[in-house]
ModelCIF file with pLDDT and N, C-alpha, C, O atoms, coordinates in Angstrom:
data_MODEL
#
_entry.id   MODEL 
#
_entity.id                         1 
_entity.type                       polymer 
_entity.pdbx_number_of_molecules   1 
#
_entity_poly.entity_id                      1 
_entity_poly.type                           'polypeptide(L)' 
_entity_poly.nstd_linkage                   no 
_entity_poly.nstd_monomer                   no 
_entity_poly.pdbx_seq_one_letter_code       EIEKRGTGIATARYYYYILRDFFKAAQKCWEETWDNDRYMVTNSVNI 
_entity_poly.pdbx_seq_one_letter_code_can   EIEKRGTGIATARYYYYILRDFFKAAQKCWEETWDNDRYMVTNSVNI 
_entity_poly.pdbx_strand_id                 A 
#
loop_
_entity_poly_seq.entity_id 
_entity_poly_seq.num 
_entity_poly_seq.mon_id 
_entity_poly_seq.hetero 
1 1  GLU n 
1 2  ILE n 
1 3  GLU n 
1 4  LYS n 
1 5  ARG n 
1 6  GLY n 
1 7  THR n 
1 8  GLY n 
1 9  ILE n 
1 10 ALA n 
1 11 THR n 
1 12 ALA n 
1 13 ARG n 
1 14 TYR n 
1 15 TYR n 
1 16 TYR n 
1 17 TYR n 
1 18 ILE n 
1 19 LEU n 
1 20 ARG n 
1 21 ASP n 
1 22 PHE n 
1 23 PHE n 
1 24 LYS n 
1 25 ALA n 
1 26 ALA n 
1 27 GLN n 
1 28 LYS n 
1 29 CYS n 
1 30 TRP n 
1 31 GLU n 
1 32 GLU n 
1 33 THR n 
1 34 TRP n 
1 35 ASP n 
1 36 ASN n 
1 37 ASP n 
1 38 ARG n 
1 39 TYR n 
1 40 MET n 
1 41 VAL n 
1 42 THR n 
1 43 ASN n 
1 44 SER n 
1 45 VAL n 
1 46 ASN n 
1 47 ILE n 
#
_struct_asym.id          A 
_struct_asym.entity_id   1 
#
loop_
_ma_qa_metric.id 
_ma_qa_metric.mode 
_ma_qa_metric.name 
_ma_qa_metric.software_group_id 
_ma_qa_metric.type 
1 global pLDDT . pLDDT 
2 local  pLDDT . pLDDT 
#
_ma_qa_metric_global.metric_id      1 
_ma_qa_metric_global.metric_value   94.72 
_ma_qa_metric_global.model_id       1 
_ma_qa_metric_global.ordinal_id     1 
#
loop_
_ma_qa_metric_local.label_asym_id 
_ma_qa_metric_local.label_comp_id 
_ma_qa_metric_local.label_seq_id 
_ma_qa_metric_local.metric_id 
_ma_qa_metric_local.metric_value 
_ma_qa_metric_local.model_id 
_ma_qa_metric_local.ordinal_id 
A GLU 1  2 92.00 1 1  
A ILE 2  2 93.00 1 2  
A GLU 3  2 92.00 1 3  
A LYS 4  2 91.00 1 4  
A ARG 5  2 90.00 1 5  
A GLY 6  2 91.00 1 6  
A THR 7  2 88.00 1 7  
A GLY 8  2 89.00 1 8  
A ILE 9  2 92.00 1 9  
A ALA 10 2 94.00 1 10 
A THR 11 2 95.00 1 11 
A ALA 12 2 94.00 1 12 
A ARG 13 2 96.00 1 13 
A TYR 14 2 95.00 1 14 
A TYR 15 2 96.00 1 15 
A TYR 16 2 97.00 1 16 
A TYR 17 2 96.00 1 17 
A ILE 18 2 96.00 1 18 
A LEU 19 2 97.00 1 19 
A ARG 20 2 97.00 1 20 
A ASP 21 2 97.00 1 21 
A PHE 22 2 96.00 1 22 
A PHE 23 2 97.00 1 23 
A LYS 24 2 97.00 1 24 
A ALA 25 2 96.00 1 25 
A ALA 26 2 97.00 1 26 
A GLN 27 2 97.00 1 27 
A LYS 28 2 96.00 1 28 
A CYS 29 2 96.00 1 29 
A TRP 30 2 96.00 1 30 
A GLU 31 2 95.00 1 31 
A GLU 32 2 97.00 1 32 
A THR 33 2 96.00 1 33 
A TRP 34 2 97.00 1 34 
A ASP 35 2 95.00 1 35 
A ASN 36 2 95.00 1 36 
A ASP 37 2 93.00 1 37 
A ARG 38 2 95.00 1 38 
A TYR 39 2 96.00 1 39 
A MET 40 2 95.00 1 40 
A VAL 41 2 96.00 1 41 
A THR 42 2 95.00 1 42 
A ASN 43 2 93.00 1 43 
A SER 44 2 92.00 1 44 
A VAL 45 2 94.00 1 45 
A ASN 46 2 96.00 1 46 
A ILE 47 2 96.00 1 47 
#
loop_
_atom_site.group_PDB 
_atom_site.id 
_atom_site.type_symbol 
_atom_site.label_atom_id 
_atom_site.label_alt_id 
_atom_site.label_comp_id 
_atom_site.label_asym_id 
_atom_site.label_entity_id 
_atom_site.label_seq_id 
_atom_site.pdbx_PDB_ins_code 
_atom_site.Cartn_x 
_atom_site.Cartn_y 
_atom_site.Cartn_z 
_atom_site.occupancy 
_atom_site.B_iso_or_equiv 
_atom_site.pdbx_formal_charge 
_atom_site.auth_seq_id 
_atom_site.auth_comp_id 
_atom_site.auth_asym_id 
_atom_site.auth_atom_id 
_atom_site.pdbx_PDB_model_num 
ATOM 1   N N  . GLU A 1 1  ? 106.486 94.260 121.612 1.00 92.00 ? 1  GLU A N  1 
ATOM 2   C CA . GLU A 1 1  ? 107.051 92.913 121.459 1.00 92.00 ? 1  GLU A CA 1 
ATOM 3   C C  . GLU A 1 1  ? 107.147 92.522 119.988 1.00 92.00 ? 1  GLU A C  1 
ATOM 4   O O  . GLU A 1 1  ? 108.096 91.857 119.574 1.00 92.00 ? 1  GLU A O  1 
ATOM 5   N N  . ILE A 1 2  ? 106.161 92.939 119.208 1.00 93.00 ? 2  ILE A N  1 
ATOM 6   C CA . ILE A 1 2  ? 106.152 92.604 117.782 1.00 93.00 ? 2  ILE A CA 1 
ATOM 7   C C  . ILE A 1 2  ? 107.327 93.258 117.073 1.00 93.00 ? 2  ILE A C  1 
ATOM 8   O O  . ILE A 1 2  ? 107.952 92.639 116.212 1.00 93.00 ? 2  ILE A O  1 
ATOM 9   N N  . GLU A 1 3  ? 107.633 94.493 117.423 1.00 92.00 ? 3  GLU A N  1 
ATOM 10  C CA . GLU A 1 3  ? 108.761 95.176 116.796 1.00 92.00 ? 3  GLU A CA 1 
ATOM 11  C C  . GLU A 1 3  ? 110.077 94.464 117.092 1.00 92.00 ? 3  GLU A C  1 
ATOM 12  O O  . GLU A 1 3  ? 110.970 94.425 116.245 1.00 92.00 ? 3  GLU A O  1 
ATOM 13  N N  . LYS A 1 4  ? 110.197 93.902 118.295 1.00 91.00 ? 4  LYS A N  1 
ATOM 14  C CA . LYS A 1 4  ? 111.399 93.124 118.625 1.00 91.00 ? 4  LYS A CA 1 
ATOM 15  C C  . LYS A 1 4  ? 111.451 91.835 117.801 1.00 91.00 ? 4  LYS A C  1 
ATOM 16  O O  . LYS A 1 4  ? 112.517 91.416 117.351 1.00 91.00 ? 4  LYS A O  1 
ATOM 17  N N  . ARG A 1 5  ? 110.298 91.221 117.614 1.00 90.00 ? 5  ARG A N  1 
ATOM 18  C CA . ARG A 1 5  ? 110.220 89.964 116.881 1.00 90.00 ? 5  ARG A CA 1 
ATOM 19  C C  . ARG A 1 5  ? 110.382 90.186 115.379 1.00 90.00 ? 5  ARG A C  1 
ATOM 20  O O  . ARG A 1 5  ? 110.943 89.351 114.671 1.00 90.00 ? 5  ARG A O  1 
ATOM 21  N N  . GLY A 1 6  ? 109.875 91.338 114.903 1.00 91.00 ? 6  GLY A N  1 
ATOM 22  C CA . GLY A 1 6  ? 109.868 91.615 113.472 1.00 91.00 ? 6  GLY A CA 1 
ATOM 23  C C  . GLY A 1 6  ? 108.438 91.647 112.958 1.00 91.00 ? 6  GLY A C  1 
ATOM 24  O O  . GLY A 1 6  ? 107.564 90.976 113.508 1.00 91.00 ? 6  GLY A O  1 
ATOM 25  N N  . THR A 1 7  ? 108.196 92.414 111.918 1.00 88.00 ? 7  THR A N  1 
ATOM 26  C CA . THR A 1 7  ? 106.827 92.598 111.425 1.00 88.00 ? 7  THR A CA 1 
ATOM 27  C C  . THR A 1 7  ? 106.573 91.861 110.118 1.00 88.00 ? 7  THR A C  1 
ATOM 28  O O  . THR A 1 7  ? 105.608 92.164 109.417 1.00 88.00 ? 7  THR A O  1 
ATOM 29  N N  . GLY A 1 8  ? 107.418 90.907 109.783 1.00 89.00 ? 8  GLY A N  1 
ATOM 30  C CA . GLY A 1 8  ? 107.281 90.185 108.523 1.00 89.00 ? 8  GLY A CA 1 
ATOM 31  C C  . GLY A 1 8  ? 106.284 89.053 108.588 1.00 89.00 ? 8  GLY A C  1 
ATOM 32  O O  . GLY A 1 8  ? 105.524 88.919 109.547 1.00 89.00 ? 8  GLY A O  1 
ATOM 33  N N  . ILE A 1 9  ? 106.303 88.236 107.543 1.00 92.00 ? 9  ILE A N  1 
ATOM 34  C CA . ILE A 1 9  ? 105.341 87.147 107.400 1.00 92.00 ? 9  ILE A CA 1 
ATOM 35  C C  . ILE A 1 9  ? 105.508 86.088 108.485 1.00 92.00 ? 9  ILE A C  1 
ATOM 36  O O  . ILE A 1 9  ? 104.543 85.418 108.853 1.00 92.00 ? 9  ILE A O  1 
ATOM 37  N N  . ALA A 1 10 ? 106.729 85.933 109.001 1.00 94.00 ? 10 ALA A N  1 
ATOM 38  C CA . ALA A 1 10 ? 106.952 84.943 110.067 1.00 94.00 ? 10 ALA A CA 1 
ATOM 39  C C  . ALA A 1 10 ? 106.162 85.310 111.322 1.00 94.00 ? 10 ALA A C  1 
ATOM 40  O O  . ALA A 1 10 ? 105.615 84.431 111.988 1.00 94.00 ? 10 ALA A O  1 
ATOM 41  N N  . THR A 1 11 ? 106.098 86.590 111.646 1.00 95.00 ? 11 THR A N  1 
ATOM 42  C CA . THR A 1 11 ? 105.322 87.036 112.808 1.00 95.00 ? 11 THR A CA 1 
ATOM 43  C C  . THR A 1 11 ? 103.833 86.870 112.557 1.00 95.00 ? 11 THR A C  1 
ATOM 44  O O  . THR A 1 11 ? 103.088 86.486 113.458 1.00 95.00 ? 11 THR A O  1 
ATOM 45  N N  . ALA A 1 12 ? 103.395 87.157 111.335 1.00 94.00 ? 12 ALA A N  1 
ATOM 46  C CA . ALA A 1 12 ? 101.983 86.942 110.992 1.00 94.00 ? 12 ALA A CA 1 
ATOM 47  C C  . ALA A 1 12 ? 101.618 85.470 111.178 1.00 94.00 ? 12 ALA A C  1 
ATOM 48  O O  . ALA A 1 12 ? 100.548 85.150 111.697 1.00 94.00 ? 12 ALA A O  1 
ATOM 49  N N  . ARG A 1 13 ? 102.501 84.587 110.758 1.00 96.00 ? 13 ARG A N  1 
ATOM 50  C CA . ARG A 1 13 ? 102.231 83.151 110.894 1.00 96.00 ? 13 ARG A CA 1 
ATOM 51  C C  . ARG A 1 13 ? 102.253 82.732 112.362 1.00 96.00 ? 13 ARG A C  1 
ATOM 52  O O  . ARG A 1 13 ? 101.483 81.865 112.775 1.00 96.00 ? 13 ARG A O  1 
ATOM 53  N N  . TYR A 1 14 ? 103.129 83.344 113.144 1.00 95.00 ? 14 TYR A N  1 
ATOM 54  C CA . TYR A 1 14 ? 103.198 83.053 114.580 1.00 95.00 ? 14 TYR A CA 1 
ATOM 55  C C  . TYR A 1 14 ? 101.852 83.342 115.240 1.00 95.00 ? 14 TYR A C  1 
ATOM 56  O O  . TYR A 1 14 ? 101.341 82.509 115.988 1.00 95.00 ? 14 TYR A O  1 
ATOM 57  N N  . TYR A 1 15 ? 101.273 84.511 114.971 1.00 96.00 ? 15 TYR A N  1 
ATOM 58  C CA . TYR A 1 15 ? 99.983  84.865 115.563 1.00 96.00 ? 15 TYR A CA 1 
ATOM 59  C C  . TYR A 1 15 ? 98.848  84.049 114.947 1.00 96.00 ? 15 TYR A C  1 
ATOM 60  O O  . TYR A 1 15 ? 97.873  83.723 115.624 1.00 96.00 ? 15 TYR A O  1 
ATOM 61  N N  . TYR A 1 16 ? 98.975  83.726 113.683 1.00 97.00 ? 16 TYR A N  1 
ATOM 62  C CA . TYR A 1 16 ? 97.955  82.872 113.057 1.00 97.00 ? 16 TYR A CA 1 
ATOM 63  C C  . TYR A 1 16 ? 97.886  81.522 113.763 1.00 97.00 ? 16 TYR A C  1 
ATOM 64  O O  . TYR A 1 16 ? 96.794  81.026 114.040 1.00 97.00 ? 16 TYR A O  1 
ATOM 65  N N  . TYR A 1 17 ? 99.044  80.920 114.058 1.00 96.00 ? 17 TYR A N  1 
ATOM 66  C CA . TYR A 1 17 ? 99.063  79.610 114.726 1.00 96.00 ? 17 TYR A CA 1 
ATOM 67  C C  . TYR A 1 17 ? 98.410  79.689 116.100 1.00 96.00 ? 17 TYR A C  1 
ATOM 68  O O  . TYR A 1 17 ? 97.714  78.762 116.516 1.00 96.00 ? 17 TYR A O  1 
ATOM 69  N N  . ILE A 1 18 ? 98.636  80.807 116.810 1.00 96.00 ? 18 ILE A N  1 
ATOM 70  C CA . ILE A 1 18 ? 98.002  80.968 118.119 1.00 96.00 ? 18 ILE A CA 1 
ATOM 71  C C  . ILE A 1 18 ? 96.483  80.988 117.959 1.00 96.00 ? 18 ILE A C  1 
ATOM 72  O O  . ILE A 1 18 ? 95.776  80.272 118.668 1.00 96.00 ? 18 ILE A O  1 
ATOM 73  N N  . LEU A 1 19 ? 95.980  81.800 117.037 1.00 97.00 ? 19 LEU A N  1 
ATOM 74  C CA . LEU A 1 19 ? 94.535  81.891 116.817 1.00 97.00 ? 19 LEU A CA 1 
ATOM 75  C C  . LEU A 1 19 ? 93.976  80.574 116.297 1.00 97.00 ? 19 LEU A C  1 
ATOM 76  O O  . LEU A 1 19 ? 92.909  80.134 116.726 1.00 97.00 ? 19 LEU A O  1 
ATOM 77  N N  . ARG A 1 20 ? 94.680  79.962 115.393 1.00 97.00 ? 20 ARG A N  1 
ATOM 78  C CA . ARG A 1 20 ? 94.224  78.670 114.848 1.00 97.00 ? 20 ARG A CA 1 
ATOM 79  C C  . ARG A 1 20 ? 94.039  77.653 115.965 1.00 97.00 ? 20 ARG A C  1 
ATOM 80  O O  . ARG A 1 20 ? 92.995  77.006 116.049 1.00 97.00 ? 20 ARG A O  1 
ATOM 81  N N  . ASP A 1 21 ? 95.045  77.507 116.824 1.00 97.00 ? 21 ASP A N  1 
ATOM 82  C CA . ASP A 1 21 ? 94.975  76.509 117.892 1.00 97.00 ? 21 ASP A CA 1 
ATOM 83  C C  . ASP A 1 21 ? 93.922  76.879 118.934 1.00 97.00 ? 21 ASP A C  1 
ATOM 84  O O  . ASP A 1 21 ? 93.241  76.007 119.473 1.00 97.00 ? 21 ASP A O  1 
ATOM 85  N N  . PHE A 1 22 ? 93.791  78.176 119.213 1.00 96.00 ? 22 PHE A N  1 
ATOM 86  C CA . PHE A 1 22 ? 92.778  78.611 120.171 1.00 96.00 ? 22 PHE A CA 1 
ATOM 87  C C  . PHE A 1 22 ? 91.383  78.245 119.668 1.00 96.00 ? 22 PHE A C  1 
ATOM 88  O O  . PHE A 1 22 ? 90.575  77.717 120.432 1.00 96.00 ? 22 PHE A O  1 
ATOM 89  N N  . PHE A 1 23 ? 91.091  78.514 118.411 1.00 97.00 ? 23 PHE A N  1 
ATOM 90  C CA . PHE A 1 23 ? 89.760  78.217 117.880 1.00 97.00 ? 23 PHE A CA 1 
ATOM 91  C C  . PHE A 1 23 ? 89.537  76.720 117.682 1.00 97.00 ? 23 PHE A C  1 
ATOM 92  O O  . PHE A 1 23 ? 88.398  76.257 117.738 1.00 97.00 ? 23 PHE A O  1 
ATOM 93  N N  . LYS A 1 24 ? 90.596  75.965 117.455 1.00 97.00 ? 24 LYS A N  1 
ATOM 94  C CA . LYS A 1 24 ? 90.438  74.508 117.419 1.00 97.00 ? 24 LYS A CA 1 
ATOM 95  C C  . LYS A 1 24 ? 90.053  73.989 118.798 1.00 97.00 ? 24 LYS A C  1 
ATOM 96  O O  . LYS A 1 24 ? 89.201  73.110 118.923 1.00 97.00 ? 24 LYS A O  1 
ATOM 97  N N  . ALA A 1 25 ? 90.686  74.538 119.835 1.00 96.00 ? 25 ALA A N  1 
ATOM 98  C CA . ALA A 1 25 ? 90.336  74.151 121.204 1.00 96.00 ? 25 ALA A CA 1 
ATOM 99  C C  . ALA A 1 25 ? 88.908  74.578 121.530 1.00 96.00 ? 25 ALA A C  1 
ATOM 100 O O  . ALA A 1 25 ? 88.156  73.823 122.146 1.00 96.00 ? 25 ALA A O  1 
ATOM 101 N N  . ALA A 1 26 ? 88.539  75.775 121.121 1.00 97.00 ? 26 ALA A N  1 
ATOM 102 C CA . ALA A 1 26 ? 87.189  76.278 121.373 1.00 97.00 ? 26 ALA A CA 1 
ATOM 103 C C  . ALA A 1 26 ? 86.151  75.422 120.661 1.00 97.00 ? 26 ALA A C  1 
ATOM 104 O O  . ALA A 1 26 ? 85.090  75.142 121.219 1.00 97.00 ? 26 ALA A O  1 
ATOM 105 N N  . GLN A 1 27 ? 86.447  75.006 119.439 1.00 97.00 ? 27 GLN A N  1 
ATOM 106 C CA . GLN A 1 27 ? 85.517  74.159 118.692 1.00 97.00 ? 27 GLN A CA 1 
ATOM 107 C C  . GLN A 1 27 ? 85.261  72.852 119.430 1.00 97.00 ? 27 GLN A C  1 
ATOM 108 O O  . GLN A 1 27 ? 84.123  72.386 119.500 1.00 97.00 ? 27 GLN A O  1 
ATOM 109 N N  . LYS A 1 28 ? 86.317  72.262 119.980 1.00 96.00 ? 28 LYS A N  1 
ATOM 110 C CA . LYS A 1 28 ? 86.161  71.016 120.746 1.00 96.00 ? 28 LYS A CA 1 
ATOM 111 C C  . LYS A 1 28 ? 85.360  71.270 122.026 1.00 96.00 ? 28 LYS A C  1 
ATOM 112 O O  . LYS A 1 28 ? 84.552  70.438 122.437 1.00 96.00 ? 28 LYS A O  1 
ATOM 113 N N  . CYS A 1 29 ? 85.594  72.425 122.646 1.00 96.00 ? 29 CYS A N  1 
ATOM 114 C CA . CYS A 1 29 ? 84.911  72.747 123.900 1.00 96.00 ? 29 CYS A CA 1 
ATOM 115 C C  . CYS A 1 29 ? 83.416  72.976 123.694 1.00 96.00 ? 29 CYS A C  1 
ATOM 116 O O  . CYS A 1 29 ? 82.593  72.457 124.447 1.00 96.00 ? 29 CYS A O  1 
ATOM 117 N N  . TRP A 1 30 ? 83.071  73.755 122.671 1.00 96.00 ? 30 TRP A N  1 
ATOM 118 C CA . TRP A 1 30 ? 81.668  74.113 122.458 1.00 96.00 ? 30 TRP A CA 1 
ATOM 119 C C  . TRP A 1 30 ? 80.842  72.965 121.873 1.00 96.00 ? 30 TRP A C  1 
ATOM 120 O O  . TRP A 1 30 ? 79.612  73.009 121.884 1.00 96.00 ? 30 TRP A O  1 
ATOM 121 N N  . GLU A 1 31 ? 81.519  71.950 121.369 1.00 95.00 ? 31 GLU A N  1 
ATOM 122 C CA . GLU A 1 31 ? 80.873  70.716 120.886 1.00 95.00 ? 31 GLU A CA 1 
ATOM 123 C C  . GLU A 1 31 ? 79.735  71.007 119.911 1.00 95.00 ? 31 GLU A C  1 
ATOM 124 O O  . GLU A 1 31 ? 79.953  71.677 118.902 1.00 95.00 ? 31 GLU A O  1 
ATOM 125 N N  . GLU A 1 32 ? 78.525  70.519 120.190 1.00 97.00 ? 32 GLU A N  1 
ATOM 126 C CA . GLU A 1 32 ? 77.420  70.605 119.224 1.00 97.00 ? 32 GLU A CA 1 
ATOM 127 C C  . GLU A 1 32 ? 76.905  72.018 118.993 1.00 97.00 ? 32 GLU A C  1 
ATOM 128 O O  . GLU A 1 32 ? 76.177  72.258 118.030 1.00 97.00 ? 32 GLU A O  1 
ATOM 129 N N  . THR A 1 33 ? 77.272  72.956 119.861 1.00 96.00 ? 33 THR A N  1 
ATOM 130 C CA . THR A 1 33 ? 76.798  74.331 119.676 1.00 96.00 ? 33 THR A CA 1 
ATOM 131 C C  . THR A 1 33 ? 77.654  75.111 118.678 1.00 96.00 ? 33 THR A C  1 
ATOM 132 O O  . THR A 1 33 ? 77.274  76.201 118.250 1.00 96.00 ? 33 THR A O  1 
ATOM 133 N N  . TRP A 1 34 ? 78.802  74.555 118.310 1.00 97.00 ? 34 TRP A N  1 
ATOM 134 C CA . TRP A 1 34 ? 79.708  75.215 117.356 1.00 97.00 ? 34 TRP A CA 1 
ATOM 135 C C  . TRP A 1 34 ? 79.096  75.185 115.957 1.00 97.00 ? 34 TRP A C  1 
ATOM 136 O O  . TRP A 1 34 ? 78.670  74.128 115.490 1.00 97.00 ? 34 TRP A O  1 
ATOM 137 N N  . ASP A 1 35 ? 79.050  76.322 115.294 1.00 95.00 ? 35 ASP A N  1 
ATOM 138 C CA . ASP A 1 35 ? 78.489  76.434 113.940 1.00 95.00 ? 35 ASP A CA 1 
ATOM 139 C C  . ASP A 1 35 ? 77.063  75.881 113.894 1.00 95.00 ? 35 ASP A C  1 
ATOM 140 O O  . ASP A 1 35 ? 76.674  75.192 112.951 1.00 95.00 ? 35 ASP A O  1 
ATOM 141 N N  . ASN A 1 36 ? 76.309  76.196 114.924 1.00 95.00 ? 36 ASN A N  1 
ATOM 142 C CA . ASN A 1 36 ? 74.925  75.727 115.039 1.00 95.00 ? 36 ASN A CA 1 
ATOM 143 C C  . ASN A 1 36 ? 74.009  76.951 114.963 1.00 95.00 ? 36 ASN A C  1 
ATOM 144 O O  . ASN A 1 36 ? 74.145  77.885 115.754 1.00 95.00 ? 36 ASN A O  1 
ATOM 145 N N  . ASP A 1 37 ? 73.084  76.941 114.015 1.00 93.00 ? 37 ASP A N  1 
ATOM 146 C CA . ASP A 1 37 ? 72.217  78.107 113.791 1.00 93.00 ? 37 ASP A CA 1 
ATOM 147 C C  . ASP A 1 37 ? 71.350  78.443 115.002 1.00 93.00 ? 37 ASP A C  1 
ATOM 148 O O  . ASP A 1 37 ? 70.859  79.567 115.116 1.00 93.00 ? 37 ASP A O  1 
ATOM 149 N N  . ARG A 1 38 ? 71.158  77.493 115.896 1.00 95.00 ? 38 ARG A N  1 
ATOM 150 C CA . ARG A 1 38 ? 70.311  77.748 117.055 1.00 95.00 ? 38 ARG A CA 1 
ATOM 151 C C  . ARG A 1 38 ? 71.085  78.400 118.206 1.00 95.00 ? 38 ARG A C  1 
ATOM 152 O O  . ARG A 1 38 ? 70.510  78.752 119.236 1.00 95.00 ? 38 ARG A O  1 
ATOM 153 N N  . TYR A 1 39 ? 72.405  78.554 118.007 1.00 96.00 ? 39 TYR A N  1 
ATOM 154 C CA . TYR A 1 39 ? 73.250  79.143 119.048 1.00 96.00 ? 39 TYR A CA 1 
ATOM 155 C C  . TYR A 1 39 ? 74.068  80.296 118.465 1.00 96.00 ? 39 TYR A C  1 
ATOM 156 O O  . TYR A 1 39 ? 74.237  80.408 117.251 1.00 96.00 ? 39 TYR A O  1 
ATOM 157 N N  . MET A 1 40 ? 74.573  81.151 119.364 1.00 95.00 ? 40 MET A N  1 
ATOM 158 C CA . MET A 1 40 ? 75.340  82.330 118.963 1.00 95.00 ? 40 MET A CA 1 
ATOM 159 C C  . MET A 1 40 ? 76.845  82.135 119.193 1.00 95.00 ? 40 MET A C  1 
ATOM 160 O O  . MET A 1 40 ? 77.591  83.111 119.280 1.00 95.00 ? 40 MET A O  1 
ATOM 161 N N  . VAL A 1 41 ? 77.281  80.897 119.290 1.00 96.00 ? 41 VAL A N  1 
ATOM 162 C CA . VAL A 1 41 ? 78.677  80.613 119.608 1.00 96.00 ? 41 VAL A CA 1 
ATOM 163 C C  . VAL A 1 41 ? 79.621  81.101 118.513 1.00 96.00 ? 41 VAL A C  1 
ATOM 164 O O  . VAL A 1 41 ? 80.679  81.654 118.812 1.00 96.00 ? 41 VAL A O  1 
ATOM 165 N N  . THR A 1 42 ? 79.253  80.904 117.253 1.00 95.00 ? 42 THR A N  1 
ATOM 166 C CA . THR A 1 42 ? 80.108  81.369 116.158 1.00 95.00 ? 42 THR A CA 1 
ATOM 167 C C  . THR A 1 42 ? 79.549  82.642 115.519 1.00 95.00 ? 42 THR A C  1 
ATOM 168 O O  . THR A 1 42 ? 79.837  82.941 114.360 1.00 95.00 ? 42 THR A O  1 
ATOM 169 N N  . ASN A 1 43 ? 78.759  83.377 116.275 1.00 93.00 ? 43 ASN A N  1 
ATOM 170 C CA . ASN A 1 43 ? 78.314  84.702 115.866 1.00 93.00 ? 43 ASN A CA 1 
ATOM 171 C C  . ASN A 1 43 ? 79.481  85.681 116.017 1.00 93.00 ? 43 ASN A C  1 
ATOM 172 O O  . ASN A 1 43 ? 80.386  85.444 116.816 1.00 93.00 ? 43 ASN A O  1 
ATOM 173 N N  . SER A 1 44 ? 79.465  86.765 115.264 1.00 92.00 ? 44 SER A N  1 
ATOM 174 C CA . SER A 1 44 ? 80.585  87.708 115.284 1.00 92.00 ? 44 SER A CA 1 
ATOM 175 C C  . SER A 1 44 ? 80.868  88.263 116.682 1.00 92.00 ? 44 SER A C  1 
ATOM 176 O O  . SER A 1 44 ? 82.022  88.525 117.024 1.00 92.00 ? 44 SER A O  1 
ATOM 177 N N  . VAL A 1 45 ? 79.825  88.440 117.486 1.00 94.00 ? 45 VAL A N  1 
ATOM 178 C CA . VAL A 1 45 ? 80.021  88.991 118.832 1.00 94.00 ? 45 VAL A CA 1 
ATOM 179 C C  . VAL A 1 45 ? 80.891  88.065 119.671 1.00 94.00 ? 45 VAL A C  1 
ATOM 180 O O  . VAL A 1 45 ? 81.808  88.519 120.355 1.00 94.00 ? 45 VAL A O  1 
ATOM 181 N N  . ASN A 1 46 ? 80.607  86.773 119.618 1.00 96.00 ? 46 ASN A N  1 
ATOM 182 C CA . ASN A 1 46 ? 81.383  85.821 120.420 1.00 96.00 ? 46 ASN A CA 1 
ATOM 183 C C  . ASN A 1 46 ? 82.750  85.558 119.802 1.00 96.00 ? 46 ASN A C  1 
ATOM 184 O O  . ASN A 1 46 ? 83.720  85.341 120.527 1.00 96.00 ? 46 ASN A O  1 
ATOM 185 N N  . ILE A 1 47 ? 82.843  85.572 118.479 1.00 96.00 ? 47 ILE A N  1 
ATOM 186 C CA . ILE A 1 47 ? 84.145  85.407 117.827 1.00 96.00 ? 47 ILE A CA 1 
ATOM 187 C C  . ILE A 1 47 ? 85.100  86.510 118.307 1.00 96.00 ? 47 ILE A C  1 
ATOM 188 O O  . ILE A 1 47 ? 86.253  86.557 117.880 1.00 96.00 ? 47 ILE A O  1 
#
């Protein structure tokens, strides 16, 4: 699908926006556990 869309910067930005919005939604969902040292929510494994 990427080859059909093109492999330039526009495609990179397209996927960046998807990840950006997904993690913004996740941040709202995880609430106080997000970026909290007592939780593993933003640990590399869960990311």
